[in-house]
C-alpha cells in the first residue's frame, strides 16, 4: 500500500524508519535507501539529491501504517530482547533490515499466492500513472518520485498524457 500510494523505490521503503514518518501531520520523509552489497546490506544516501524529500500521505495509508505499527509493537514484545530494534518500518520478524533480494523473493511468493503478475517497481509506475491520469501537475509527480528533473518524469510518463495539447488548445481558444 505504501509503495503504490507514494511511489517510493524498494530501497527507500526498506530503509524507512518510524522517525521518518509524522502520522499526525500525515507526512513521510525519504532520507536514505537500503542497498545490498557484497558483505550484506547497507544504508546509503538516496539515489539523487531530489530523492531526499518529504511528501504528504493519504489518510488510508496513515491508518494502515498505524495498524502496522501496532502489530510490529506486539511482535517486538513477543520477541523480547531477540528483537533488534532499528526503528525500521519494514523489518524482518527480528527487527533487522530486509535484504532487497530476500524482500523481492518474498514479494514474488506473495504475488504467486495472490495470482498477481506485476513487478514491485510497477507499484511506483502505477502511483505516477494514476496521479497524471487524475490531472496532477507533472512537477508534483516529479517531486513525489524523487526524479532529478521534470525531464526524467516526462520522458518516462509523457505517453500517459494523451490529449494534453488538444485540451490546452481548447482552453486557449475559450480564453480568446
C-alpha atoms as a PDB file:
ATOM      1  CA  UNK A   1       0.000   0.000   0.000  1.00  0.00           C
ATOM      2  CA  UNK A   2       2.772   2.437   0.897  1.00  0.00           C
ATOM      3  CA  UNK A   3       4.591   1.712  -2.362  1.00  0.00           C
ATOM      4  CA  UNK A   4       1.543   2.378  -4.544  1.00  0.00           C
ATOM      5  CA  UNK A   5       0.421   5.473  -2.595  1.00  0.00           C
ATOM      6  CA  UNK A   6       3.854   7.118  -2.512  1.00  0.00           C
ATOM      7  CA  UNK A   7       5.842   5.775  -5.449  1.00  0.00           C
ATOM      8  CA  UNK A   8       8.845   5.012  -3.236  1.00  0.00           C
ATOM      9  CA  UNK A   9      11.619   2.838  -4.617  1.00  0.00           C
ATOM     10  CA  UNK A  10      12.197  -0.571  -2.997  1.00  0.00           C
ATOM     11  CA  UNK A  11      15.408   0.576  -1.291  1.00  0.00           C
ATOM     12  CA  UNK A  12      13.684   3.716   0.037  1.00  0.00           C
ATOM     13  CA  UNK A  13      10.888   1.637   1.559  1.00  0.00           C
ATOM     14  CA  UNK A  14      13.274  -0.841   3.144  1.00  0.00           C
ATOM     15  CA  UNK A  15      15.316   1.982   4.729  1.00  0.00           C
ATOM     16  CA  UNK A  16      12.279   3.847   6.059  1.00  0.00           C
ATOM     17  CA  UNK A  17      12.273   4.450   9.831  1.00  0.00           C
ATOM     18  CA  UNK A  18       9.332   5.292  12.033  1.00  0.00           C
ATOM     19  CA  UNK A  19      11.168   8.527  12.827  1.00  0.00           C
ATOM     20  CA  UNK A  20      10.846   9.407   9.104  1.00  0.00           C
ATOM     21  CA  UNK A  21       7.062   9.445   9.487  1.00  0.00           C
ATOM     22  CA  UNK A  22       4.823  12.008  11.120  1.00  0.00           C
ATOM     23  CA  UNK A  23       1.481  10.255  11.240  1.00  0.00           C
ATOM     24  CA  UNK A  24      -0.196  13.225  12.938  1.00  0.00           C
ATOM     25  CA  UNK A  25       0.777  15.522  10.060  1.00  0.00           C
ATOM     26  CA  UNK A  26       0.440  12.649   7.546  1.00  0.00           C
ATOM     27  CA  UNK A  27       3.924  13.095   6.085  1.00  0.00           C
ATOM     28  CA  UNK A  28       6.799  10.824   5.162  1.00  0.00           C
ATOM     29  CA  UNK A  29      10.441  11.856   4.664  1.00  0.00           C
ATOM     30  CA  UNK A  30      12.860   9.939   2.471  1.00  0.00           C
ATOM     31  CA  UNK A  31      16.334  10.346   3.949  1.00  0.00           C
ATOM     32  CA  UNK A  32      18.149   7.183   2.936  1.00  0.00           C
ATOM     33  CA  UNK A  33      17.949   3.962   0.959  1.00  0.00           C
ATOM     34  CA  UNK A  34      18.981   0.380   1.585  1.00  0.00           C
ATOM     35  CA  UNK A  35      21.216  -1.500  -0.812  1.00  0.00           C
ATOM     36  CA  UNK A  36      22.641  -4.963  -0.977  1.00  0.00           C
ATOM     37  CA  UNK A  37      26.424  -5.153  -1.011  1.00  0.00           C
ATOM     38  CA  UNK A  38      28.901  -7.995  -1.208  1.00  0.00           C
ATOM     39  CA  UNK A  39      29.071  -8.032   2.575  1.00  0.00           C
ATOM     40  CA  UNK A  40      25.371  -7.676   3.375  1.00  0.00           C
ATOM     41  CA  UNK A  41      23.081  -4.673   3.430  1.00  0.00           C
ATOM     42  CA  UNK A  42      23.997  -1.033   3.907  1.00  0.00           C
ATOM     43  CA  UNK A  43      22.156   2.231   4.278  1.00  0.00           C
ATOM     44  CA  UNK A  44      23.152   4.934   1.827  1.00  0.00           C
ATOM     45  CA  UNK A  45      22.059   8.341   0.611  1.00  0.00           C
ATOM     46  CA  UNK A  46      19.026   8.332  -1.685  1.00  0.00           C
ATOM     47  CA  UNK A  47      19.562   7.870  -5.431  1.00  0.00           C
ATOM     48  CA  UNK A  48      19.695  11.614  -6.275  1.00  0.00           C
ATOM     49  CA  UNK A  49      19.657  14.880  -4.341  1.00  0.00           C
ATOM     50  CA  UNK A  50      15.973  15.229  -5.296  1.00  0.00           C
ATOM     51  CA  UNK A  51      15.310  11.768  -3.903  1.00  0.00           C
ATOM     52  CA  UNK A  52      15.666  13.232  -0.404  1.00  0.00           C
ATOM     53  CA  UNK A  53      12.121  14.503   0.018  1.00  0.00           C
ATOM     54  CA  UNK A  54       9.088  14.901   2.268  1.00  0.00           C
ATOM     55  CA  UNK A  55       5.625  14.122   0.965  1.00  0.00           C
ATOM     56  CA  UNK A  56       2.068  14.106   2.249  1.00  0.00           C
ATOM     57  CA  UNK A  57       0.365  10.768   2.822  1.00  0.00           C
ATOM     58  CA  UNK A  58      -3.194   9.682   2.076  1.00  0.00           C
ATOM     59  CA  UNK A  59      -5.314   9.018   5.178  1.00  0.00           C
ATOM     60  CA  UNK A  60      -5.821   5.396   4.078  1.00  0.00           C
ATOM     61  CA  UNK A  61      -2.045   4.984   4.150  1.00  0.00           C
ATOM     62  CA  UNK A  62      -1.734   6.687   7.544  1.00  0.00           C
ATOM     63  CA  UNK A  63      -4.299   4.311   9.047  1.00  0.00           C
ATOM     64  CA  UNK A  64      -2.564   1.276   7.536  1.00  0.00           C
ATOM     65  CA  UNK A  65       0.760   2.499   8.969  1.00  0.00           C
ATOM     66  CA  UNK A  66      -0.806   2.940  12.418  1.00  0.00           C
ATOM     67  CA  UNK A  67      -2.168  -0.606  12.239  1.00  0.00           C
ATOM     68  CA  UNK A  68       1.226  -1.903  11.086  1.00  0.00           C
ATOM     69  CA  UNK A  69       2.985  -0.042  13.915  1.00  0.00           C
ATOM     70  CA  UNK A  70       0.698  -1.680  16.485  1.00  0.00           C
ATOM     71  CA  UNK A  71       1.297  -5.137  15.003  1.00  0.00           C
ATOM     72  CA  UNK A  72       5.044  -4.521  14.966  1.00  0.00           C
ATOM     73  CA  UNK A  73       4.954  -3.427  18.620  1.00  0.00           C
ATOM     74  CA  UNK A  74       3.221  -6.707  19.518  1.00  0.00           C
ATOM     75  CA  UNK A  75       5.892  -8.630  17.623  1.00  0.00           C
ATOM     76  CA  UNK A  76       8.650  -6.748  19.487  1.00  0.00           C
ATOM     77  CA  UNK A  77       7.079  -7.720  22.821  1.00  0.00           C
ATOM     78  CA  UNK A  78       6.764 -11.346  21.756  1.00  0.00           C
ATOM     79  CA  UNK A  79      10.410 -11.479  20.632  1.00  0.00           C
ATOM     80  CA  UNK A  80      11.728  -9.691  23.690  1.00  0.00           C
ATOM     81  CA  UNK A  81      15.476  -8.999  23.647  1.00  0.00           C
ATOM     82  CA  UNK A  82      15.877 -11.057  20.443  1.00  0.00           C
ATOM     83  CA  UNK A  83      14.227  -8.197  18.537  1.00  0.00           C
ATOM     84  CA  UNK A  84      16.985  -5.930  17.172  1.00  0.00           C
ATOM     85  CA  UNK A  85      15.004  -2.695  17.053  1.00  0.00           C
ATOM     86  CA  UNK A  86      16.406  -0.414  14.366  1.00  0.00           C
ATOM     87  CA  UNK A  87      13.245   1.737  14.102  1.00  0.00           C
ATOM     88  CA  UNK A  88      12.533   0.219  10.671  1.00  0.00           C
ATOM     89  CA  UNK A  89       9.001   0.372   9.308  1.00  0.00           C
ATOM     90  CA  UNK A  90       9.617  -2.745   7.198  1.00  0.00           C
ATOM     91  CA  UNK A  91      11.890  -5.006   9.205  1.00  0.00           C
ATOM     92  CA  UNK A  92      12.349  -8.755   9.322  1.00  0.00           C
ATOM     93  CA  UNK A  93      10.461 -10.515  12.135  1.00  0.00           C
ATOM     94  CA  UNK A  94      13.533  -9.909  14.317  1.00  0.00           C
ATOM     95  CA  UNK A  95      13.811  -6.173  13.596  1.00  0.00           C
ATOM     96  CA  UNK A  96      16.748  -6.331  11.213  1.00  0.00           C
ATOM     97  CA  UNK A  97      16.710  -4.846   7.697  1.00  0.00           C
ATOM     98  CA  UNK A  98      15.322  -6.966   4.869  1.00  0.00           C
ATOM     99  CA  UNK A  99      17.905  -7.676   2.237  1.00  0.00           C
ATOM    100  CA  UNK A 100      16.471  -6.363  -1.039  1.00  0.00           C
ATOM    101  CA  UNK A 101      16.856  -9.791  -2.671  1.00  0.00           C
ATOM    102  CA  UNK A 102      15.005 -11.551   0.181  1.00  0.00           C
ATOM    103  CA  UNK A 103      12.297  -8.903   0.064  1.00  0.00           C
ATOM    104  CA  UNK A 104      11.920  -9.411  -3.703  1.00  0.00           C
ATOM    105  CA  UNK A 105      11.764 -13.181  -3.214  1.00  0.00           C
ATOM    106  CA  UNK A 106       9.025 -12.771  -0.573  1.00  0.00           C
ATOM    107  CA  UNK A 107       7.155 -10.387  -2.875  1.00  0.00           C
ATOM    108  CA  UNK A 108       7.315 -12.925  -5.736  1.00  0.00           C
ATOM    109  CA  UNK A 109       5.890 -15.589  -3.404  1.00  0.00           C
ATOM    110  CA  UNK A 110       3.103 -13.225  -2.311  1.00  0.00           C
ATOM    111  CA  UNK A 111       2.285 -12.416  -5.956  1.00  0.00           C
ATOM    112  CA  UNK A 112       2.137 -16.082  -6.891  1.00  0.00           C
ATOM    113  CA  UNK A 113      -0.187 -16.830  -3.963  1.00  0.00           C
ATOM    114  CA  UNK A 114      -2.465 -13.931  -4.930  1.00  0.00           C
ATOM    115  CA  UNK A 115      -2.329 -14.609  -8.669  1.00  0.00           C
ATOM    116  CA  UNK A 116      -0.710 -11.247  -9.481  1.00  0.00           C
ATOM    117  CA  UNK A 117       1.781 -10.805 -12.298  1.00  0.00           C
ATOM    118  CA  UNK A 118       3.193  -7.290 -11.825  1.00  0.00           C
ATOM    119  CA  UNK A 119       6.684  -6.363 -10.680  1.00  0.00           C
ATOM    120  CA  UNK A 120       7.262  -4.476  -7.407  1.00  0.00           C
ATOM    121  CA  UNK A 121       8.596  -1.493  -9.386  1.00  0.00           C
ATOM    122  CA  UNK A 122       5.246  -1.386 -11.221  1.00  0.00           C
ATOM    123  CA  UNK A 123       3.714  -0.026  -7.996  1.00  0.00           C
ATOM    124  CA  UNK A 124       5.897   3.073  -8.472  1.00  0.00           C
ATOM    125  CA  UNK A 125       4.736   3.408 -12.067  1.00  0.00           C
ATOM    126  CA  UNK A 126       1.119   2.933 -11.003  1.00  0.00           C
ATOM    127  CA  UNK A 127       1.450   5.761  -8.499  1.00  0.00           C
ATOM    128  CA  UNK A 128       2.790   8.150 -11.138  1.00  0.00           C
ATOM    129  CA  UNK A 129       0.307   6.999 -13.774  1.00  0.00           C
ATOM    130  CA  UNK A 130      -2.708   7.468 -11.521  1.00  0.00           C
ATOM    131  CA  UNK A 131      -1.555  10.916 -10.431  1.00  0.00           C
ATOM    132  CA  UNK A 132      -1.077  12.032 -14.030  1.00  0.00           C
ATOM    133  CA  UNK A 133      -4.386  10.486 -15.124  1.00  0.00           C
ATOM    134  CA  UNK A 134      -6.110  12.487 -12.370  1.00  0.00           C
ATOM    135  CA  UNK A 135      -4.574  15.716 -13.632  1.00  0.00           C
ATOM    136  CA  UNK A 136      -1.726  16.146 -11.148  1.00  0.00           C
ATOM    137  CA  UNK A 137       0.917  18.584 -12.358  1.00  0.00           C
ATOM    138  CA  UNK A 138       3.995  16.788 -13.685  1.00  0.00           C
ATOM    139  CA  UNK A 139       6.178  18.783 -11.245  1.00  0.00           C
ATOM    140  CA  UNK A 140       4.236  17.265  -8.335  1.00  0.00           C
ATOM    141  CA  UNK A 141       4.768  13.777  -9.780  1.00  0.00           C
ATOM    142  CA  UNK A 142       8.488  14.510 -10.258  1.00  0.00           C
ATOM    143  CA  UNK A 143       8.825  15.607  -6.636  1.00  0.00           C
ATOM    144  CA  UNK A 144       6.910  12.612  -5.262  1.00  0.00           C
ATOM    145  CA  UNK A 145       9.032  10.173  -7.263  1.00  0.00           C
ATOM    146  CA  UNK A 146      12.276  11.946  -6.390  1.00  0.00           C
ATOM    147  CA  UNK A 147      13.311  12.299 -10.013  1.00  0.00           C
ATOM    148  CA  UNK A 148      16.291  14.585 -10.596  1.00  0.00           C
ATOM    149  CA  UNK A 149      14.333  16.599 -13.165  1.00  0.00           C
ATOM    150  CA  UNK A 150      10.916  17.052 -14.726  1.00  0.00           C
ATOM    151  CA  UNK A 151      12.529  15.881 -17.964  1.00  0.00           C
ATOM    152  CA  UNK A 152      13.083  12.435 -16.442  1.00  0.00           C
ATOM    153  CA  UNK A 153       9.443  12.277 -15.364  1.00  0.00           C
ATOM    154  CA  UNK A 154       8.191  13.454 -18.760  1.00  0.00           C
ATOM    155  CA  UNK A 155      10.462  11.073 -20.663  1.00  0.00           C
ATOM    156  CA  UNK A 156       9.101   8.170 -18.624  1.00  0.00           C
ATOM    157  CA  UNK A 157       5.422   9.120 -18.381  1.00  0.00           C
ATOM    158  CA  UNK A 158       4.547  11.528 -21.198  1.00  0.00           C
ATOM    159  CA  UNK A 159       2.808   8.729 -23.123  1.00  0.00           C
ATOM    160  CA  UNK A 160       0.215   8.780 -20.345  1.00  0.00           C
ATOM    161  CA  UNK A 161      -0.844  12.305 -21.214  1.00  0.00           C
ATOM    162  CA  UNK A 162      -2.748  11.888 -24.484  1.00  0.00           C
ATOM    163  CA  UNK A 163      -4.864  14.839 -25.437  1.00  0.00           C
ATOM    164  CA  UNK A 164      -2.961  17.303 -23.255  1.00  0.00           C
ATOM    165  CA  UNK A 165      -2.112  19.539 -26.217  1.00  0.00           C
ATOM    166  CA  UNK A 166      -5.678  19.356 -27.503  1.00  0.00           C
ATOM    167  CA  UNK A 167      -7.057  20.303 -24.089  1.00  0.00           C
ATOM    168  CA  UNK A 168      -4.601  23.208 -23.863  1.00  0.00           C
ATOM    169  CA  UNK A 169      -5.673  24.484 -27.283  1.00  0.00           C
ATOM    170  CA  UNK A 170      -9.338  24.229 -26.272  1.00  0.00           C
ATOM    171  CA  UNK A 171      -8.681  26.235 -23.094  1.00  0.00           C
ATOM    172  CA  UNK A 172      -6.692  28.788 -25.070  1.00  0.00           C
ATOM    173  CA  UNK A 173      -9.492  29.024 -27.657  1.00  0.00           C
ATOM    174  CA  UNK A 174     -12.062  29.535 -24.896  1.00  0.00           C
ATOM    175  CA  UNK A 175      -9.908  32.284 -23.391  1.00  0.00           C
ATOM    176  CA  UNK A 176      -9.819  34.086 -26.747  1.00  0.00           C
END
